[in-house]
Amino acid sequence: MTPKIKINRPSFQEAQNYLKLSDHYALQENALKKYLQKFIQKMMI
């Protein structure tokens, strides 16, 4: 038994929310990278 998968086209609102989320995670990732770089630099000294 394979479940029938209905493919719904995402609404404009959903697409916007997804973009906001991905932007948010990208910002967090950049902040984390910067923090790690500073931390590593401190360890090196």
N, C-alpha and C. Protein backbone atom coordinates (compact mmCIF):
# COMPACT_ATOMS: atom_id res chain seq x y z
N MET A 1 0.83 -1.20 0.00
CA MET A 1 0.00 0.00 0.00
C MET A 1 0.87 1.26 0.00
N THR A 2 0.79 2.01 -1.07
CA THR A 2 1.52 3.27 -1.10
C THR A 2 0.53 4.39 -0.88
N PRO A 3 0.83 5.29 0.06
CA PRO A 3 -0.09 6.40 0.30
C PRO A 3 -0.09 7.35 -0.89
N LYS A 4 -1.26 7.85 -1.20
CA LYS A 4 -1.35 8.82 -2.29
C LYS A 4 -0.81 10.15 -1.81
N ILE A 5 0.14 10.66 -2.57
CA ILE A 5 0.74 11.94 -2.17
C ILE A 5 0.16 13.05 -3.03
N LYS A 6 -0.48 13.98 -2.34
CA LYS A 6 -1.01 15.14 -3.06
C LYS A 6 0.06 16.21 -3.08
N ILE A 7 0.42 16.65 -4.26
CA ILE A 7 1.43 17.70 -4.35
C ILE A 7 0.71 19.04 -4.49
N ASN A 8 0.81 19.82 -3.45
CA ASN A 8 0.19 21.14 -3.46
C ASN A 8 1.25 22.18 -3.79
N ARG A 9 0.91 23.07 -4.67
CA ARG A 9 1.84 24.16 -4.96
C ARG A 9 1.84 25.08 -3.75
N PRO A 10 3.02 25.42 -3.25
CA PRO A 10 3.06 26.29 -2.07
C PRO A 10 2.47 27.66 -2.40
N SER A 11 1.77 28.20 -1.43
CA SER A 11 1.19 29.52 -1.63
C SER A 11 2.30 30.57 -1.57
N PHE A 12 1.99 31.76 -2.01
CA PHE A 12 2.96 32.85 -1.99
C PHE A 12 3.40 33.11 -0.55
N GLN A 13 2.45 33.04 0.39
CA GLN A 13 2.76 33.29 1.80
C GLN A 13 3.73 32.25 2.33
N GLU A 14 3.50 30.99 1.98
CA GLU A 14 4.38 29.92 2.42
C GLU A 14 5.79 30.11 1.87
N ALA A 15 5.87 30.49 0.61
CA ALA A 15 7.16 30.72 -0.01
C ALA A 15 7.91 31.85 0.71
N GLN A 16 7.19 32.91 1.03
CA GLN A 16 7.80 34.04 1.74
C GLN A 16 8.29 33.61 3.12
N ASN A 17 7.48 32.83 3.83
CA ASN A 17 7.86 32.36 5.16
C ASN A 17 9.12 31.51 5.07
N TYR A 18 9.18 30.67 4.04
CA TYR A 18 10.34 29.80 3.87
C TYR A 18 11.59 30.63 3.62
N LEU A 19 11.46 31.65 2.80
CA LEU A 19 12.61 32.52 2.52
C LEU A 19 13.07 33.23 3.78
N LYS A 20 12.12 33.71 4.58
CA LYS A 20 12.47 34.38 5.84
C LYS A 20 13.21 33.43 6.75
N LEU A 21 12.72 32.19 6.83
CA LEU A 21 13.36 31.18 7.67
C LEU A 21 14.78 30.90 7.21
N SER A 22 14.96 30.70 5.90
CA SER A 22 16.29 30.38 5.39
C SER A 22 17.25 31.56 5.61
N ASP A 23 16.73 32.79 5.46
CA ASP A 23 17.54 33.97 5.75
C ASP A 23 17.96 33.98 7.21
N HIS A 24 17.01 33.68 8.08
CA HIS A 24 17.27 33.67 9.52
C HIS A 24 18.37 32.67 9.86
N TYR A 25 18.28 31.47 9.28
CA TYR A 25 19.28 30.45 9.57
C TYR A 25 20.63 30.82 8.99
N ALA A 26 20.63 31.46 7.83
CA ALA A 26 21.89 31.90 7.22
C ALA A 26 22.57 32.92 8.13
N LEU A 27 21.79 33.84 8.68
CA LEU A 27 22.34 34.84 9.59
C LEU A 27 22.93 34.18 10.83
N GLN A 28 22.20 33.21 11.38
CA GLN A 28 22.67 32.51 12.56
C GLN A 28 23.98 31.77 12.26
N GLU A 29 24.03 31.15 11.09
CA GLU A 29 25.21 30.39 10.70
C GLU A 29 26.42 31.31 10.56
N ASN A 30 26.21 32.47 9.95
CA ASN A 30 27.30 33.44 9.81
C ASN A 30 27.79 33.91 11.17
N ALA A 31 26.86 34.18 12.07
CA ALA A 31 27.23 34.63 13.41
C ALA A 31 28.03 33.55 14.12
N LEU A 32 27.61 32.32 13.97
CA LEU A 32 28.30 31.19 14.60
C LEU A 32 29.72 31.05 14.04
N LYS A 33 29.85 31.18 12.73
CA LYS A 33 31.17 31.08 12.10
C LYS A 33 32.10 32.16 12.62
N LYS A 34 31.59 33.38 12.70
CA LYS A 34 32.40 34.50 13.19
C LYS A 34 32.84 34.25 14.63
N TYR A 35 31.88 33.76 15.45
CA TYR A 35 32.18 33.48 16.85
C TYR A 35 33.27 32.41 16.95
N LEU A 36 33.14 31.36 16.14
CA LEU A 36 34.13 30.28 16.17
C LEU A 36 35.50 30.78 15.72
N GLN A 37 35.52 31.63 14.71
CA GLN A 37 36.79 32.17 14.23
C GLN A 37 37.48 32.97 15.34
N LYS A 38 36.72 33.81 16.04
CA LYS A 38 37.28 34.60 17.14
C LYS A 38 37.79 33.67 18.24
N PHE A 39 37.01 32.64 18.53
CA PHE A 39 37.38 31.70 19.58
C PHE A 39 38.68 30.99 19.21
N ILE A 40 38.80 30.57 17.96
CA ILE A 40 40.01 29.88 17.51
C ILE A 40 41.21 30.82 17.56
N GLN A 41 41.00 32.07 17.19
CA GLN A 41 42.09 33.04 17.23
C GLN A 41 42.58 33.22 18.67
N LYS A 42 41.66 33.27 19.61
CA LYS A 42 42.05 33.42 21.01
C LYS A 42 42.85 32.20 21.48
N MET A 43 42.45 31.02 21.02
CA MET A 43 43.14 29.80 21.41
C MET A 43 44.57 29.78 20.86
N MET A 44 44.74 30.38 19.69
CA MET A 44 46.06 30.36 19.05
C MET A 44 47.07 31.23 19.78
N ILE A 45 46.57 32.32 20.35
CA ILE A 45 47.48 33.28 20.99
C ILE A 45 48.02 32.69 22.29
